[in-house]
C-alpha atoms as a PDB file:
ATOM      1  CA  MET A   1      44.312   0.035  25.202  1.00  0.00           C
ATOM      2  CA  LYS A   2      41.098   1.586  26.327  1.00  0.00           C
ATOM      3  CA  ASN A   3      41.460   4.032  23.297  1.00  0.00           C
ATOM      4  CA  ILE A   4      41.972   1.118  20.830  1.00  0.00           C
ATOM      5  CA  THR A   5      38.685  -0.548  22.222  1.00  0.00           C
ATOM      6  CA  LEU A   6      36.906   2.602  21.970  1.00  0.00           C
ATOM      7  CA  ILE A   7      38.038   3.539  18.511  1.00  0.00           C
ATOM      8  CA  ALA A   8      37.218  -0.083  17.518  1.00  0.00           C
ATOM      9  CA  ALA A   9      33.722   0.112  18.951  1.00  0.00           C
ATOM     10  CA  PHE A  10      33.234   3.473  17.378  1.00  0.00           C
ATOM     11  CA  VAL A  11      34.333   1.971  13.876  1.00  0.00           C
ATOM     12  CA  ILE A  12      31.948  -0.983  14.237  1.00  0.00           C
ATOM     13  CA  LEU A  13      29.150   1.183  15.187  1.00  0.00           C
ATOM     14  CA  VAL A  14      29.752   3.491  12.042  1.00  0.00           C
ATOM     15  CA  ILE A  15      30.058   0.594   9.742  1.00  0.00           C
ATOM     16  CA  GLY A  16      26.894  -1.120  11.190  1.00  0.00           C
ATOM     17  CA  ASN A  17      24.707   2.267  10.971  1.00  0.00           C
ATOM     18  CA  ILE A  18      26.006   2.682   7.052  1.00  0.00           C
ATOM     19  CA  SER A  19      25.441  -0.880   6.353  1.00  0.00           C
ATOM     20  CA  ASN A  20      21.884  -0.653   8.023  1.00  0.00           C
ATOM     21  CA  ALA A  21      21.098   2.660   5.991  1.00  0.00           C
ATOM     22  CA  GLN A  22      22.257   0.985   2.753  1.00  0.00           C
ATOM     23  CA  LEU A  23      19.840  -2.032   3.543  1.00  0.00           C
ATOM     24  CA  GLU A  24      16.951   0.357   4.393  1.00  0.00           C
ATOM     25  CA  LYS A  25      17.825   2.173   1.135  1.00  0.00           C
ATOM     26  CA  LYS A  26      17.811  -1.054  -0.946  1.00  0.00           C
ATOM     27  CA  ASN A  27      14.520  -2.085   0.657  1.00  0.00           C
ATOM     28  CA  ASP A  28      12.942   1.171  -0.288  1.00  0.00           C
ATOM     29  CA  ASN A  29      14.351   0.779  -3.919  1.00  0.00           C
ATOM     30  CA  ASP A  30      13.148  -2.767  -3.828  1.00  0.00           C
ATOM     31  CA  LYS A  31       9.604  -1.615  -2.865  1.00  0.00           C
ATOM     32  CA  ARG A  32       9.463   1.197  -5.197  1.00  0.00           C
ATOM     33  CA  GLN A  33      10.650  -1.145  -8.139  1.00  0.00           C
ATOM     34  CA  PHE A  34       8.029  -3.698  -7.059  1.00  0.00           C
ATOM     35  CA  ARG A  35       5.305  -1.085  -7.206  1.00  0.00           C
ATOM     36  CA  MET A  36       6.484   0.261 -10.574  1.00  0.00           C
ATOM     37  CA  GLN A  37       6.186  -3.406 -11.873  1.00  0.00           C
ATOM     38  CA  ILE A  38       2.646  -3.518 -10.488  1.00  0.00           C
ATOM     39  CA  ASP A  39       1.691  -0.340 -11.915  1.00  0.00           C
ATOM     40  CA  THR A  40       3.022  -1.363 -15.334  1.00  0.00           C
ATOM     41  CA  LEU A  41       1.054  -4.692 -15.201  1.00  0.00           C
ATOM     42  CA  MET A  42      -1.911  -2.717 -14.279  1.00  0.00           C
ATOM     43  CA  LYS A  43      -1.448  -0.452 -17.064  1.00  0.00           C
ATOM     44  CA  GLN A  44      -0.994  -3.185 -19.641  1.00  0.00           C
ATOM     45  CA  LYS A  45      -4.250  -5.035 -18.392  1.00  0.00           C
ATOM     46  CA  LEU A  46      -6.201  -1.547 -18.770  1.00  0.00           C
ATOM     47  CA  MET A  47      -5.089  -1.004 -21.999  1.00  0.00           C
ATOM     48  CA  GLU A  48      -5.739  -4.553 -23.278  1.00  0.00           C
ATOM     49  CA  LYS A  49      -9.057  -5.029 -21.628  1.00  0.00           C
ATOM     50  CA  LEU A  50     -10.586  -1.307 -21.676  1.00  0.00           C
ATOM     51  CA  ASP A  51      -8.976  -0.420 -25.023  1.00  0.00           C
ATOM     52  CA  MET A  52      -7.310   2.760 -23.377  1.00  0.00           C
ATOM     53  CA  SER A  53      -4.393   4.620 -24.697  1.00  0.00           C
ATOM     54  CA  GLU A  54      -1.344   4.638 -22.881  1.00  0.00           C
ATOM     55  CA  SER A  55      -1.515   8.150 -21.749  1.00  0.00           C
ATOM     56  CA  THR A  56      -4.980   7.598 -20.442  1.00  0.00           C
ATOM     57  CA  ALA A  57      -3.960   4.336 -18.668  1.00  0.00           C
ATOM     58  CA  ASP A  58      -1.010   6.256 -17.115  1.00  0.00           C
ATOM     59  CA  LYS A  59      -3.457   8.755 -15.738  1.00  0.00           C
ATOM     60  CA  TYR A  60      -5.694   6.026 -14.313  1.00  0.00           C
ATOM     61  CA  VAL A  61      -2.893   4.313 -12.564  1.00  0.00           C
ATOM     62  CA  SER A  62      -1.590   7.700 -11.231  1.00  0.00           C
ATOM     63  CA  ALA A  63      -5.088   8.625  -9.843  1.00  0.00           C
ATOM     64  CA  PHE A  64      -5.598   5.237  -8.564  1.00  0.00           C
ATOM     65  CA  ARG A  65      -2.167   5.174  -6.589  1.00  0.00           C
ATOM     66  CA  GLU A  66      -2.849   8.558  -5.257  1.00  0.00           C
ATOM     67  CA  ASN A  67      -6.425   7.291  -4.232  1.00  0.00           C
ATOM     68  CA  ASN A  68      -5.158   4.244  -2.508  1.00  0.00           C
ATOM     69  CA  ASN A  69      -2.712   6.148  -0.664  1.00  0.00           C
ATOM     70  CA  ARG A  70      -5.175   8.661   0.795  1.00  0.00           C
ATOM     71  CA  ILE A  71      -7.430   5.445   1.725  1.00  0.00           C
ATOM     72  CA  LYS A  72      -4.599   3.850   3.393  1.00  0.00           C
ATOM     73  CA  GLU A  73      -3.847   6.802   5.305  1.00  0.00           C
ATOM     74  CA  LEU A  74      -7.492   7.031   6.487  1.00  0.00           C
ATOM     75  CA  MET A  75      -7.541   3.339   7.318  1.00  0.00           C
ATOM     76  CA  LYS A  76      -4.534   3.822   9.549  1.00  0.00           C
ATOM     77  CA  GLU A  77      -6.326   6.564  11.198  1.00  0.00           C
ATOM     78  CA  LYS A  78      -9.341   4.587  11.750  1.00  0.00           C
ATOM     79  CA  LYS A  79      -7.343   1.646  12.867  1.00  0.00           C
ATOM     80  CA  ALA A  80      -5.817   3.978  15.499  1.00  0.00           C
ATOM     81  CA  VAL A  81      -9.119   5.245  16.833  1.00  0.00           C
ATOM     82  CA  MET A  82     -10.816   1.519  17.003  1.00  0.00           C
ATOM     83  CA  LYS A  83      -7.632   0.420  19.071  1.00  0.00           C
ATOM     84  CA  SER A  84      -8.271   3.257  21.469  1.00  0.00           C
ATOM     85  CA  ILE A  85     -12.071   2.309  21.624  1.00  0.00           C
ATOM     86  CA  GLU A  86     -11.166  -1.253  22.141  1.00  0.00           C
ATOM     87  CA  ALA A  87      -8.540  -0.285  24.822  1.00  0.00           C
ATOM     88  CA  ASP A  88     -11.300   1.584  26.928  1.00  0.00           C
ATOM     89  CA  PRO A  89     -14.623   0.990  25.898  1.00  0.00           C
ATOM     90  CA  GLU A  90     -16.091   2.685  29.219  1.00  0.00           C
ATOM     91  CA  ALA A  91     -14.190   5.885  28.664  1.00  0.00           C
ATOM     92  CA  ALA A  92     -15.775   9.140  29.047  1.00  0.00           C
ATOM     93  CA  ASP A  93     -15.323  10.312  25.649  1.00  0.00           C
ATOM     94  CA  ILE A  94     -16.222   7.066  23.778  1.00  0.00           C
ATOM     95  CA  ILE A  95     -19.027   8.975  21.742  1.00  0.00           C
ATOM     96  CA  THR A  96     -16.434  11.360  20.447  1.00  0.00           C
ATOM     97  CA  LYS A  97     -14.286   8.323  19.574  1.00  0.00           C
ATOM     98  CA  LEU A  98     -17.115   6.762  17.814  1.00  0.00           C
ATOM     99  CA  ASP A  99     -18.098   9.733  16.066  1.00  0.00           C
ATOM    100  CA  LYS A 100     -14.606  10.102  14.746  1.00  0.00           C
ATOM    101  CA  ALA A 101     -14.642   6.493  13.550  1.00  0.00           C
ATOM    102  CA  PHE A 102     -17.823   7.503  11.539  1.00  0.00           C
ATOM    103  CA  ASP A 103     -16.211  10.526  10.347  1.00  0.00           C
ATOM    104  CA  ILE A 104     -13.255   8.621   8.868  1.00  0.00           C
ATOM    105  CA  ASP A 105     -15.854   6.213   7.201  1.00  0.00           C
ATOM    106  CA  SER A 106     -17.554   9.100   5.552  1.00  0.00           C
ATOM    107  CA  ARG A 107     -14.111  10.606   4.365  1.00  0.00           C
ATOM    108  CA  ILE A 108     -13.126   7.318   2.843  1.00  0.00           C
ATOM    109  CA  ILE A 109     -16.413   7.142   0.954  1.00  0.00           C
ATOM    110  CA  GLU A 110     -15.990  10.778  -0.208  1.00  0.00           C
ATOM    111  CA  THR A 111     -12.302   9.912  -1.190  1.00  0.00           C
ATOM    112  CA  ARG A 112     -13.752   6.996  -3.490  1.00  0.00           C
ATOM    113  CA  ARG A 113     -16.286   9.465  -4.758  1.00  0.00           C
ATOM    114  CA  ALA A 114     -13.693  11.948  -5.504  1.00  0.00           C
ATOM    115  CA  PHE A 115     -11.564   9.367  -7.370  1.00  0.00           C
ATOM    116  CA  ILE A 116     -14.674   8.282  -9.529  1.00  0.00           C
ATOM    117  CA  LYS A 117     -15.333  11.991 -10.060  1.00  0.00           C
ATOM    118  CA  ASP A 118     -11.891  12.537 -11.168  1.00  0.00           C
ATOM    119  CA  ILE A 119     -11.699   9.728 -13.710  1.00  0.00           C
ATOM    120  CA  SER A 120     -14.987  10.375 -15.067  1.00  0.00           C
ATOM    121  CA  THR A 121     -13.328  13.221 -16.752  1.00  0.00           C
ATOM    122  CA  TYR A 122     -11.490  10.824 -19.118  1.00  0.00           C
ATOM    123  CA  LEU A 123     -13.223   7.696 -19.039  1.00  0.00           C
ATOM    124  CA  THR A 124     -16.688   6.720 -20.029  1.00  0.00           C
ATOM    125  CA  PRO A 125     -19.072   5.286 -17.405  1.00  0.00           C
ATOM    126  CA  GLN A 126     -18.491   1.851 -18.900  1.00  0.00           C
ATOM    127  CA  GLN A 127     -14.927   2.077 -18.817  1.00  0.00           C
ATOM    128  CA  ILE A 128     -15.110   2.984 -14.931  1.00  0.00           C
ATOM    129  CA  ALA A 129     -17.282   0.066 -14.143  1.00  0.00           C
ATOM    130  CA  LYS A 130     -14.963  -2.109 -16.146  1.00  0.00           C
ATOM    131  CA  SER A 131     -11.962  -0.696 -14.433  1.00  0.00           C
ATOM    132  CA  MET A 132     -13.484  -1.357 -11.032  1.00  0.00           C
ATOM    133  CA  ILE A 133     -14.100  -5.102 -12.101  1.00  0.00           C
ATOM    134  CA  LEU A 134     -10.571  -5.263 -13.418  1.00  0.00           C
ATOM    135  CA  LYS A 135      -9.183  -3.803 -10.377  1.00  0.00           C
ATOM    136  CA  LYS A 136     -11.106  -6.372  -8.112  1.00  0.00           C
ATOM    137  CA  ASN A 137      -9.981  -9.246 -10.084  1.00  0.00           C
ATOM    138  CA  PHE A 138      -6.398  -8.020 -10.470  1.00  0.00           C
ATOM    139  CA  ASN A 139      -6.428  -7.575  -6.679  1.00  0.00           C
ATOM    140  CA  ARG A 140      -7.563 -10.956  -6.055  1.00  0.00           C
ATOM    141  CA  GLU A 141      -5.289 -12.604  -8.636  1.00  0.00           C
ATOM    142  CA  PHE A 142      -2.279 -10.737  -7.247  1.00  0.00           C
ATOM    143  CA  LYS A 143      -3.053 -11.904  -3.820  1.00  0.00           C
ATOM    144  CA  ASP A 144      -3.492 -15.485  -4.934  1.00  0.00           C
ATOM    145  CA  GLN A 145      -0.144 -15.291  -6.690  1.00  0.00           C
ATOM    146  CA  ILE A 146       1.445 -13.820  -3.351  1.00  0.00           C
ATOM    147  CA  ARG A 147      -0.133 -16.848  -1.445  1.00  0.00           C
ATOM    148  CA  LYS A 148       1.153 -19.357  -3.787  1.00  0.00           C
ATOM    149  CA  HIS A 149       4.603 -17.909  -3.643  1.00  0.00           C
ATOM    150  CA  LYS A 150       4.691 -17.814   0.110  1.00  0.00           C
ATOM    151  CA  SER A 151       3.206 -21.295   0.287  1.00  0.00           C
ATOM    152  CA  LYS A 152       6.260 -22.375  -2.059  1.00  0.00           C
ATOM    153  CA  ASP A 153       8.746 -20.544   0.008  1.00  0.00           C
ATOM    154  CA  ASN A 154       7.382 -22.156   3.240  1.00  0.00           C
ATOM    155  CA  PHE A 155       7.497 -25.487   1.602  1.00  0.00           C
ATOM    156  CA  ARG A 156      11.115 -24.941   0.576  1.00  0.00           C
ATOM    157  CA  LYS A 157      11.995 -24.270   4.114  1.00  0.00           C
ATOM    158  CA  ARG A 158      10.449 -26.960   5.821  1.00  0.00           C
ATOM    159  CA  ASN A 159      12.183 -29.560   3.116  1.00  0.00           C
ATOM    160  CA  LYS A 160      15.503 -27.760   3.453  1.00  0.00           C
ATOM    161  CA  ASP A 161      15.516 -28.248   7.411  1.00  0.00           C
END
């Protein structure tokens, strides 16, 4: 009887782990697909508003995505440093931590400069300026759409109950 219980528990654990792994894989695929849709939409806007060729828009979106990933990593690093500063502002090494936070800020600025320098090899200064405006408006519009979608979902959930 104990053997059957152990085998059943083992089978349940294995099935649970497999289904959990499949769910994680599905979520990763959903995120990847969502990013691809955003990139496609941004590419279309760039081609439309900045009169870019498709290959130039592809280069821009790729460089933009890479730049954003670098900045996100730096922001995570800064957030960790700031948490440690907030946790113990009286620490003996507080100056070192503050210097590290300022260094990360400098690296973020340098990353942004490198991005502009990179895209300036295939975009005019006017296109760069317009792309920055487009990116700002795109992000704002995207966030607004997400907020609207979330509020609709919350409204549906409240009315459902």
